[in-house]
C-alpha atoms as a PDB file:
ATOM      1  CA  MET A   1     -60.320-135.016 -90.390  1.00  0.00           C
ATOM      2  CA  LYS A   2     -59.135-138.022 -91.740  1.00  0.00           C
ATOM      3  CA  ASN A   3     -55.963-139.561 -90.495  1.00  0.00           C
ATOM      4  CA  SER A   4     -54.734-139.683 -94.514  1.00  0.00           C
ATOM      5  CA  GLU A   5     -55.469-135.784 -94.381  1.00  0.00           C
ATOM      6  CA  ILE A   6     -53.361-135.277 -91.675  1.00  0.00           C
ATOM      7  CA  LEU A   7     -50.284-137.251 -92.816  1.00  0.00           C
ATOM      8  CA  GLU A   8     -50.353-135.213 -95.638  1.00  0.00           C
ATOM      9  CA  LEU A   9     -50.122-131.804 -93.689  1.00  0.00           C
ATOM     10  CA  SER A  10     -46.213-130.670 -93.252  1.00  0.00           C
ATOM     11  CA  LYS A  11     -44.662-130.279 -90.135  1.00  0.00           C
ATOM     12  CA  GLU A  12     -45.927-125.891 -90.280  1.00  0.00           C
ATOM     13  CA  ASP A  13     -48.912-127.178 -91.144  1.00  0.00           C
ATOM     14  CA  LEU A  14     -49.654-129.162 -88.457  1.00  0.00           C
ATOM     15  CA  ILE A  15     -48.272-126.206 -86.070  1.00  0.00           C
ATOM     16  CA  ALA A  16     -50.842-124.100 -87.884  1.00  0.00           C
ATOM     17  CA  ARG A  17     -53.551-126.215 -87.696  1.00  0.00           C
ATOM     18  CA  ILE A  18     -52.969-127.461 -83.954  1.00  0.00           C
ATOM     19  CA  THR A  19     -53.015-123.640 -82.931  1.00  0.00           C
ATOM     20  CA  GLU A  20     -55.968-122.834 -84.657  1.00  0.00           C
ATOM     21  CA  GLU A  21     -57.991-125.779 -83.364  1.00  0.00           C
ATOM     22  CA  GLN A  22     -56.527-125.058 -79.731  1.00  0.00           C
ATOM     23  CA  ALA A  23     -58.173-121.398 -80.455  1.00  0.00           C
ATOM     24  CA  SER A  24     -61.403-122.463 -81.893  1.00  0.00           C
ATOM     25  CA  LEU A  25     -61.304-125.109 -78.962  1.00  0.00           C
ATOM     26  CA  ASN A  26     -61.212-122.343 -76.266  1.00  0.00           C
ATOM     27  CA  LYS A  27     -64.191-119.925 -78.429  1.00  0.00           C
ATOM     28  CA  LEU A  28     -66.238-123.508 -77.589  1.00  0.00           C
ATOM     29  CA  LYS A  29     -65.212-123.680 -74.354  1.00  0.00           C
ATOM     30  CA  PHE A  30     -66.114-119.937 -73.515  1.00  0.00           C
ATOM     31  CA  ALA A  31     -69.756-120.507 -75.551  1.00  0.00           C
ATOM     32  CA  HIS A  32     -70.561-123.498 -73.492  1.00  0.00           C
ATOM     33  CA  ALA A  33     -69.695-121.605 -70.136  1.00  0.00           C
ATOM     34  CA  VAL A  34     -71.703-118.604 -71.088  1.00  0.00           C
ATOM     35  CA  SER A  35     -74.564-120.853 -72.697  1.00  0.00           C
ATOM     36  CA  ALA A  36     -74.875-124.311 -73.461  1.00  0.00           C
ATOM     37  CA  ILE A  37     -73.639-125.098 -77.087  1.00  0.00           C
ATOM     38  CA  GLU A  38     -76.071-126.520 -79.584  1.00  0.00           C
ATOM     39  CA  ASN A  39     -73.952-129.792 -79.656  1.00  0.00           C
ATOM     40  CA  PRO A  40     -71.889-129.881 -77.045  1.00  0.00           C
ATOM     41  CA  LEU A  41     -69.914-133.406 -78.935  1.00  0.00           C
ATOM     42  CA  ARG A  42     -68.000-130.977 -80.694  1.00  0.00           C
ATOM     43  CA  ILE A  43     -65.974-129.867 -77.880  1.00  0.00           C
ATOM     44  CA  ARG A  44     -65.065-133.688 -77.344  1.00  0.00           C
ATOM     45  CA  ALA A  45     -64.284-133.776 -81.067  1.00  0.00           C
ATOM     46  CA  ALA A  46     -61.805-130.603 -81.042  1.00  0.00           C
ATOM     47  CA  ARG A  47     -59.938-132.431 -78.157  1.00  0.00           C
ATOM     48  CA  ARG A  48     -59.467-135.362 -80.188  1.00  0.00           C
ATOM     49  CA  LEU A  49     -58.304-133.470 -83.524  1.00  0.00           C
ATOM     50  CA  ILE A  50     -55.629-131.755 -81.305  1.00  0.00           C
ATOM     51  CA  ALA A  51     -54.980-135.118 -79.861  1.00  0.00           C
ATOM     52  CA  GLN A  52     -54.423-136.560 -83.066  1.00  0.00           C
ATOM     53  CA  LEU A  53     -52.619-133.728 -84.743  1.00  0.00           C
ATOM     54  CA  ASN A  54     -50.120-133.576 -81.734  1.00  0.00           C
ATOM     55  CA  THR A  55     -49.874-137.120 -82.279  1.00  0.00           C
ATOM     56  CA  GLU A  56     -48.446-137.136 -85.217  1.00  0.00           C
ATOM     57  CA  LEU A  57     -46.279-134.002 -84.798  1.00  0.00           C
ATOM     58  CA  SER A  58     -44.241-135.832 -81.727  1.00  0.00           C
ATOM     59  CA  ALA A  59     -44.194-139.002 -84.016  1.00  0.00           C
ATOM     60  CA  ARG A  60     -42.903-136.580 -86.819  1.00  0.00           C
ATOM     61  CA  LYS A  61     -39.959-135.551 -84.218  1.00  0.00           C
ATOM     62  CA  ASN A  62     -39.283-138.570 -83.031  1.00  0.00           C
ATOM     63  CA  ALA A  63     -38.610-140.143 -86.016  1.00  0.00           C
ATOM     64  CA  GLU A  64     -36.447-136.748 -87.370  1.00  0.00           C
ATOM     65  CA  ARG A  65     -34.906-137.401 -84.175  1.00  0.00           C
ATOM     66  CA  LYS A  66     -34.086-141.076 -84.416  1.00  0.00           C
ATOM     67  CA  GLN A  67     -31.950-140.128 -88.254  1.00  0.00           C
ATOM     68  CA  VAL A  68     -30.027-137.782 -86.593  1.00  0.00           C
ATOM     69  CA  GLN A  69     -28.721-140.290 -84.130  1.00  0.00           C
ATOM     70  CA  GLU A  70     -28.660-143.162 -86.552  1.00  0.00           C
ATOM     71  CA  ALA A  71     -26.661-140.620 -88.740  1.00  0.00           C
ATOM     72  CA  ALA A  72     -24.163-139.733 -85.683  1.00  0.00           C
ATOM     73  CA  ALA A  73     -23.542-143.057 -85.334  1.00  0.00           C
ATOM     74  CA  GLU A  74     -22.744-143.922 -88.448  1.00  0.00           C
ATOM     75  CA  ALA A  75     -20.413-141.158 -88.580  1.00  0.00           C
ATOM     76  CA  GLU A  76     -18.308-142.416 -85.302  1.00  0.00           C
END
């Protein structure tokens, strides 16, 4: 998933996508533990995608928090 696609997702979509990808990663890890999967680099790619999604979600939360703080500062 490209960064531009991640930016287009809403906050709810990001959260849903993170949970989907985490479930997928757990399945991949389990399959790899039982028997070697065909492409073990898929585990790395899944971890990176989850990290990218979490980073974007965190950035949005921080931006939202900053706006609230600025609005409170202006109100005083």
